[in-house]
């Protein structure tokens, strides 16, 4: 849809790997609140938001899988 019609697509998932594969920009909700926004690439690197890193099993202090 995005490529064919040049439309923004809102994709909701609880699967981080789907978000990494499909998403460009991300919004992370924690306890029903927007906790962080940014590019998908930044969410998965060492500078990603602590709450998101905990959610995907990364060590928040080290930025890699615990």
PDB file of N, CA and C in Angstrom:
ATOM      1  N   UNK A   1       0.838  -1.188   0.000  1.00  0.00           N
ATOM      2  CA  UNK A   1       0.000   0.000   0.000  1.00  0.00           C
ATOM      3  C   UNK A   1       0.880   1.248   0.000  1.00  0.00           C
ATOM      4  N   UNK A   2       1.880   1.277   0.866  1.00  0.00           N
ATOM      5  CA  UNK A   2       2.752   2.449   0.942  1.00  0.00           C
ATOM      6  C   UNK A   2       3.437   2.715  -0.398  1.00  0.00           C
ATOM      7  N   UNK A   3       3.987   1.694  -1.000  1.00  0.00           N
ATOM      8  CA  UNK A   3       4.710   1.856  -2.257  1.00  0.00           C
ATOM      9  C   UNK A   3       3.779   2.209  -3.407  1.00  0.00           C
ATOM     10  N   UNK A   4       2.662   1.522  -3.500  1.00  0.00           N
ATOM     11  CA  UNK A   4       1.735   1.752  -4.608  1.00  0.00           C
ATOM     12  C   UNK A   4       1.062   3.111  -4.549  1.00  0.00           C
ATOM     13  N   UNK A   5       0.624   3.505  -3.368  1.00  0.00           N
ATOM     14  CA  UNK A   5      -0.205   4.709  -3.254  1.00  0.00           C
ATOM     15  C   UNK A   5       0.466   5.851  -2.506  1.00  0.00           C
ATOM     16  N   UNK A   6       1.698   5.655  -2.068  1.00  0.00           N
ATOM     17  CA  UNK A   6       2.424   6.684  -1.324  1.00  0.00           C
ATOM     18  C   UNK A   6       1.635   7.150  -0.103  1.00  0.00           C
ATOM     19  N   UNK A   7       1.099   6.168   0.641  1.00  0.00           N
ATOM     20  CA  UNK A   7       0.306   6.460   1.830  1.00  0.00           C
ATOM     21  C   UNK A   7       1.056   5.996   3.069  1.00  0.00           C
ATOM     22  N   UNK A   8       0.870   6.718   4.151  1.00  0.00           N
ATOM     23  CA  UNK A   8       1.403   6.284   5.434  1.00  0.00           C
ATOM     24  C   UNK A   8       0.573   5.115   5.934  1.00  0.00           C
ATOM     25  N   UNK A   9       1.249   4.109   6.478  1.00  0.00           N
ATOM     26  CA  UNK A   9       0.583   2.919   6.998  1.00  0.00           C
ATOM     27  C   UNK A   9       0.895   2.807   8.484  1.00  0.00           C
ATOM     28  N   UNK A  10      -0.134   2.624   9.290  1.00  0.00           N
ATOM     29  CA  UNK A  10       0.036   2.389  10.716  1.00  0.00           C
ATOM     30  C   UNK A  10      -0.046   0.889  10.946  1.00  0.00           C
ATOM     31  N   UNK A  11       1.046   0.315  11.431  1.00  0.00           N
ATOM     32  CA  UNK A  11       1.149  -1.128  11.657  1.00  0.00           C
ATOM     33  C   UNK A  11       1.365  -1.337  13.148  1.00  0.00           C
ATOM     34  N   UNK A  12       0.499  -2.097  13.782  1.00  0.00           N
ATOM     35  CA  UNK A  12       0.590  -2.352  15.220  1.00  0.00           C
ATOM     36  C   UNK A  12       1.009  -3.797  15.427  1.00  0.00           C
ATOM     37  N   UNK A  13       2.036  -3.998  16.258  1.00  0.00           N
ATOM     38  CA  UNK A  13       2.519  -5.350  16.516  1.00  0.00           C
ATOM     39  C   UNK A  13       3.097  -5.452  17.922  1.00  0.00           C
ATOM     40  N   UNK A  14       3.107  -6.659  18.434  1.00  0.00           N
ATOM     41  CA  UNK A  14       3.808  -6.956  19.681  1.00  0.00           C
ATOM     42  C   UNK A  14       5.080  -7.742  19.381  1.00  0.00           C
ATOM     43  N   UNK A  15       5.388  -7.904  18.105  1.00  0.00           N
ATOM     44  CA  UNK A  15       6.563  -8.659  17.674  1.00  0.00           C
ATOM     45  C   UNK A  15       7.668  -7.695  17.235  1.00  0.00           C
ATOM     46  N   UNK A  16       8.686  -7.497  18.058  1.00  0.00           N
ATOM     47  CA  UNK A  16       9.745  -6.543  17.720  1.00  0.00           C
ATOM     48  C   UNK A  16      10.422  -6.811  16.374  1.00  0.00           C
ATOM     49  N   UNK A  17      10.600  -8.069  16.009  1.00  0.00           N
ATOM     50  CA  UNK A  17      11.260  -8.359  14.733  1.00  0.00           C
ATOM     51  C   UNK A  17      10.407  -7.924  13.543  1.00  0.00           C
ATOM     52  N   UNK A  18       9.085  -8.003  13.670  1.00  0.00           N
ATOM     53  CA  UNK A  18       8.215  -7.476  12.611  1.00  0.00           C
ATOM     54  C   UNK A  18       8.383  -5.968  12.499  1.00  0.00           C
ATOM     55  N   UNK A  19       8.441  -5.303  13.632  1.00  0.00           N
ATOM     56  CA  UNK A  19       8.618  -3.848  13.629  1.00  0.00           C
ATOM     57  C   UNK A  19       9.949  -3.472  12.987  1.00  0.00           C
ATOM     58  N   UNK A  20      11.002  -4.208  13.313  1.00  0.00           N
ATOM     59  CA  UNK A  20      12.321  -3.922  12.736  1.00  0.00           C
ATOM     60  C   UNK A  20      12.299  -4.130  11.220  1.00  0.00           C
ATOM     61  N   UNK A  21      11.654  -5.192  10.774  1.00  0.00           N
ATOM     62  CA  UNK A  21      11.643  -5.555   9.359  1.00  0.00           C
ATOM     63  C   UNK A  21      10.770  -4.613   8.528  1.00  0.00           C
ATOM     64  N   UNK A  22       9.626  -4.216   9.068  1.00  0.00           N
ATOM     65  CA  UNK A  22       8.643  -3.457   8.298  1.00  0.00           C
ATOM     66  C   UNK A  22       8.712  -1.956   8.558  1.00  0.00           C
ATOM     67  N   UNK A  23       8.996  -1.579   9.792  1.00  0.00           N
ATOM     68  CA  UNK A  23       8.864  -0.181  10.186  1.00  0.00           C
ATOM     69  C   UNK A  23       9.995   0.727   9.766  1.00  0.00           C
ATOM     70  N   UNK A  24       9.662   1.989   9.620  1.00  0.00           N
ATOM     71  CA  UNK A  24      10.651   3.047   9.424  1.00  0.00           C
ATOM     72  C   UNK A  24      10.732   3.873  10.697  1.00  0.00           C
ATOM     73  N   UNK A  25       9.587   4.336  11.150  1.00  0.00           N
ATOM     74  CA  UNK A  25       9.501   5.093  12.399  1.00  0.00           C
ATOM     75  C   UNK A  25       8.675   4.284  13.379  1.00  0.00           C
ATOM     76  N   UNK A  26       9.024   4.394  14.666  1.00  0.00           N
ATOM     77  CA  UNK A  26       8.333   3.598  15.678  1.00  0.00           C
ATOM     78  C   UNK A  26       7.870   4.472  16.830  1.00  0.00           C
ATOM     79  N   UNK A  27       6.810   4.011  17.470  1.00  0.00           N
ATOM     80  CA  UNK A  27       6.322   4.588  18.721  1.00  0.00           C
ATOM     81  C   UNK A  27       6.230   3.427  19.696  1.00  0.00           C
ATOM     82  N   UNK A  28       6.858   3.565  20.861  1.00  0.00           N
ATOM     83  CA  UNK A  28       6.834   2.514  21.877  1.00  0.00           C
ATOM     84  C   UNK A  28       5.916   2.955  23.003  1.00  0.00           C
ATOM     85  N   UNK A  29       4.890   2.136  23.277  1.00  0.00           N
ATOM     86  CA  UNK A  29       3.959   2.407  24.368  1.00  0.00           C
ATOM     87  C   UNK A  29       4.349   1.566  25.573  1.00  0.00           C
ATOM     88  N   UNK A  30       4.370   2.191  26.739  1.00  0.00           N
ATOM     89  CA  UNK A  30       4.668   1.494  27.985  1.00  0.00           C
ATOM     90  C   UNK A  30       3.597   1.900  28.983  1.00  0.00           C
ATOM     91  N   UNK A  31       2.827   0.930  29.439  1.00  0.00           N
ATOM     92  CA  UNK A  31       1.745   1.202  30.387  1.00  0.00           C
ATOM     93  C   UNK A  31       0.761   2.235  29.825  1.00  0.00           C
ATOM     94  N   UNK A  32       0.370   2.045  28.563  1.00  0.00           N
ATOM     95  CA  UNK A  32      -0.626   2.888  27.877  1.00  0.00           C
ATOM     96  C   UNK A  32      -0.146   4.318  27.630  1.00  0.00           C
ATOM     97  N   UNK A  33       1.143   4.541  27.692  1.00  0.00           N
ATOM     98  CA  UNK A  33       1.707   5.873  27.509  1.00  0.00           C
ATOM     99  C   UNK A  33       2.810   5.820  26.458  1.00  0.00           C
ATOM    100  N   UNK A  34       2.891   6.860  25.611  1.00  0.00           N
ATOM    101  CA  UNK A  34       3.993   6.926  24.654  1.00  0.00           C
ATOM    102  C   UNK A  34       5.281   7.121  25.444  1.00  0.00           C
ATOM    103  N   UNK A  35       6.147   6.117  25.395  1.00  0.00           N
ATOM    104  CA  UNK A  35       7.400   6.162  26.149  1.00  0.00           C
ATOM    105  C   UNK A  35       8.564   6.622  25.281  1.00  0.00           C
ATOM    106  N   UNK A  36       8.479   6.383  23.963  1.00  0.00           N
ATOM    107  CA  UNK A  36       9.577   6.776  23.081  1.00  0.00           C
ATOM    108  C   UNK A  36       9.113   6.765  21.634  1.00  0.00           C
ATOM    109  N   UNK A  37       9.740   7.603  20.832  1.00  0.00           N
ATOM    110  CA  UNK A  37       9.521   7.618  19.386  1.00  0.00           C
ATOM    111  C   UNK A  37      10.886   7.707  18.717  1.00  0.00           C
ATOM    112  N   UNK A  38      10.977   7.247  17.487  1.00  0.00           N
ATOM    113  CA  UNK A  38      12.236   7.330  16.751  1.00  0.00           C
ATOM    114  C   UNK A  38      12.233   6.391  15.573  1.00  0.00           C
ATOM    115  N   UNK A  39      13.384   6.277  14.936  1.00  0.00           N
ATOM    116  CA  UNK A  39      13.488   5.370  13.802  1.00  0.00           C
ATOM    117  C   UNK A  39      13.605   3.939  14.302  1.00  0.00           C
ATOM    118  N   UNK A  40      13.169   3.008  13.488  1.00  0.00           N
ATOM    119  CA  UNK A  40      13.269   1.596  13.859  1.00  0.00           C
ATOM    120  C   UNK A  40      14.721   1.215  14.105  1.00  0.00           C
ATOM    121  N   UNK A  41      15.626   1.700  13.274  1.00  0.00           N
ATOM    122  CA  UNK A  41      17.048   1.371  13.440  1.00  0.00           C
ATOM    123  C   UNK A  41      17.561   1.814  14.802  1.00  0.00           C
ATOM    124  N   UNK A  42      17.188   3.006  15.248  1.00  0.00           N
ATOM    125  CA  UNK A  42      17.664   3.512  16.538  1.00  0.00           C
ATOM    126  C   UNK A  42      17.086   2.742  17.712  1.00  0.00           C
ATOM    127  N   UNK A  43      15.888   2.225  17.582  1.00  0.00           N
ATOM    128  CA  UNK A  43      15.290   1.463  18.677  1.00  0.00           C
ATOM    129  C   UNK A  43      16.102   0.208  18.978  1.00  0.00           C
ATOM    130  N   UNK A  44      16.700  -0.389  17.967  1.00  0.00           N
ATOM    131  CA  UNK A  44      17.380  -1.667  18.135  1.00  0.00           C
ATOM    132  C   UNK A  44      18.877  -1.536  18.373  1.00  0.00           C
ATOM    133  N   UNK A  45      19.407  -0.314  18.434  1.00  0.00           N
ATOM    134  CA  UNK A  45      20.834  -0.198  18.719  1.00  0.00           C
ATOM    135  C   UNK A  45      21.046   0.164  20.186  1.00  0.00           C
ATOM    136  N   UNK A  46      22.283   0.371  20.570  1.00  0.00           N
ATOM    137  CA  UNK A  46      22.628   0.601  21.977  1.00  0.00           C
ATOM    138  C   UNK A  46      21.997   1.865  22.543  1.00  0.00           C
ATOM    139  N   UNK A  47      21.599   2.804  21.686  1.00  0.00           N
ATOM    140  CA  UNK A  47      21.014   4.051  22.185  1.00  0.00           C
ATOM    141  C   UNK A  47      19.491   3.989  22.272  1.00  0.00           C
ATOM    142  N   UNK A  48      18.910   2.832  21.998  1.00  0.00           N
ATOM    143  CA  UNK A  48      17.454   2.683  22.051  1.00  0.00           C
ATOM    144  C   UNK A  48      16.909   2.930  23.443  1.00  0.00           C
ATOM    145  N   UNK A  49      15.619   3.234  23.542  1.00  0.00           N
ATOM    146  CA  UNK A  49      15.010   3.526  24.844  1.00  0.00           C
ATOM    147  C   UNK A  49      15.091   2.331  25.802  1.00  0.00           C
ATOM    148  N   UNK A  50      15.377   2.611  27.075  1.00  0.00           N
ATOM    149  CA  UNK A  50      15.529   1.556  28.087  1.00  0.00           C
ATOM    150  C   UNK A  50      14.324   0.627  28.150  1.00  0.00           C
ATOM    151  N   UNK A  51      13.108   1.173  28.184  1.00  0.00           N
ATOM    152  CA  UNK A  51      11.912   0.341  28.284  1.00  0.00           C
ATOM    153  C   UNK A  51      11.789  -0.607  27.110  1.00  0.00           C
ATOM    154  N   UNK A  52      12.108  -0.129  25.919  1.00  0.00           N
ATOM    155  CA  UNK A  52      12.056  -0.977  24.736  1.00  0.00           C
ATOM    156  C   UNK A  52      13.127  -2.055  24.802  1.00  0.00           C
ATOM    157  N   UNK A  53      14.324  -1.679  25.213  1.00  0.00           N
ATOM    158  CA  UNK A  53      15.407  -2.673  25.301  1.00  0.00           C
ATOM    159  C   UNK A  53      15.061  -3.767  26.301  1.00  0.00           C
ATOM    160  N   UNK A  54      14.436  -3.396  27.400  1.00  0.00           N
ATOM    161  CA  UNK A  54      13.997  -4.418  28.365  1.00  0.00           C
ATOM    162  C   UNK A  54      12.933  -5.317  27.736  1.00  0.00           C
ATOM    163  N   UNK A  55      12.000  -4.719  26.994  1.00  0.00           N
ATOM    164  CA  UNK A  55      10.908  -5.473  26.362  1.00  0.00           C
ATOM    165  C   UNK A  55      11.440  -6.548  25.413  1.00  0.00           C
ATOM    166  N   UNK A  56      12.475  -6.219  24.657  1.00  0.00           N
ATOM    167  CA  UNK A  56      13.017  -7.182  23.691  1.00  0.00           C
ATOM    168  C   UNK A  56      14.134  -8.043  24.275  1.00  0.00           C
ATOM    169  N   UNK A  57      14.405  -7.888  25.568  1.00  0.00           N
ATOM    170  CA  UNK A  57      15.399  -8.733  26.223  1.00  0.00           C
ATOM    171  C   UNK A  57      16.826  -8.263  26.100  1.00  0.00           C
ATOM    172  N   UNK A  58      17.014  -6.969  25.824  1.00  0.00           N
ATOM    173  CA  UNK A  58      18.363  -6.417  25.767  1.00  0.00           C
ATOM    174  C   UNK A  58      18.722  -5.860  27.132  1.00  0.00           C
ATOM    175  N   UNK A  59      19.981  -5.939  27.484  1.00  0.00           N
ATOM    176  CA  UNK A  59      20.468  -5.342  28.723  1.00  0.00           C
ATOM    177  C   UNK A  59      20.475  -3.825  28.530  1.00  0.00           C
ATOM    178  N   UNK A  60      19.640  -3.070  29.275  1.00  0.00           N
ATOM    179  CA  UNK A  60      19.580  -1.620  29.079  1.00  0.00           C
ATOM    180  C   UNK A  60      20.924  -0.931  29.271  1.00  0.00           C
ATOM    181  N   UNK A  61      21.775  -1.457  30.131  1.00  0.00           N
ATOM    182  CA  UNK A  61      23.069  -0.829  30.390  1.00  0.00           C
ATOM    183  C   UNK A  61      24.063  -1.094  29.263  1.00  0.00           C
ATOM    184  N   UNK A  62      23.947  -2.231  28.603  1.00  0.00           N
ATOM    185  CA  UNK A  62      24.942  -2.616  27.600  1.00  0.00           C
ATOM    186  C   UNK A  62      24.438  -2.514  26.173  1.00  0.00           C
ATOM    187  N   UNK A  63      23.119  -2.438  25.983  1.00  0.00           N
ATOM    188  CA  UNK A  63      22.570  -2.310  24.637  1.00  0.00           C
ATOM    189  C   UNK A  63      22.649  -3.573  23.809  1.00  0.00           C
ATOM    190  N   UNK A  64      22.700  -4.724  24.457  1.00  0.00           N
ATOM    191  CA  UNK A  64      22.708  -5.988  23.707  1.00  0.00           C
ATOM    192  C   UNK A  64      21.864  -7.008  24.446  1.00  0.00           C
ATOM    193  N   UNK A  65      21.594  -8.120  23.791  1.00  0.00           N
ATOM    194  CA  UNK A  65      20.755  -9.159  24.402  1.00  0.00           C
ATOM    195  C   UNK A  65      21.343  -9.601  25.722  1.00  0.00           C
ATOM    196  N   UNK A  66      20.470  -9.715  26.727  1.00  0.00           N
ATOM    197  CA  UNK A  66      20.915 -10.131  28.064  1.00  0.00           C
ATOM    198  C   UNK A  66      21.208 -11.617  28.085  1.00  0.00           C
TER     199      UNK A  66
END
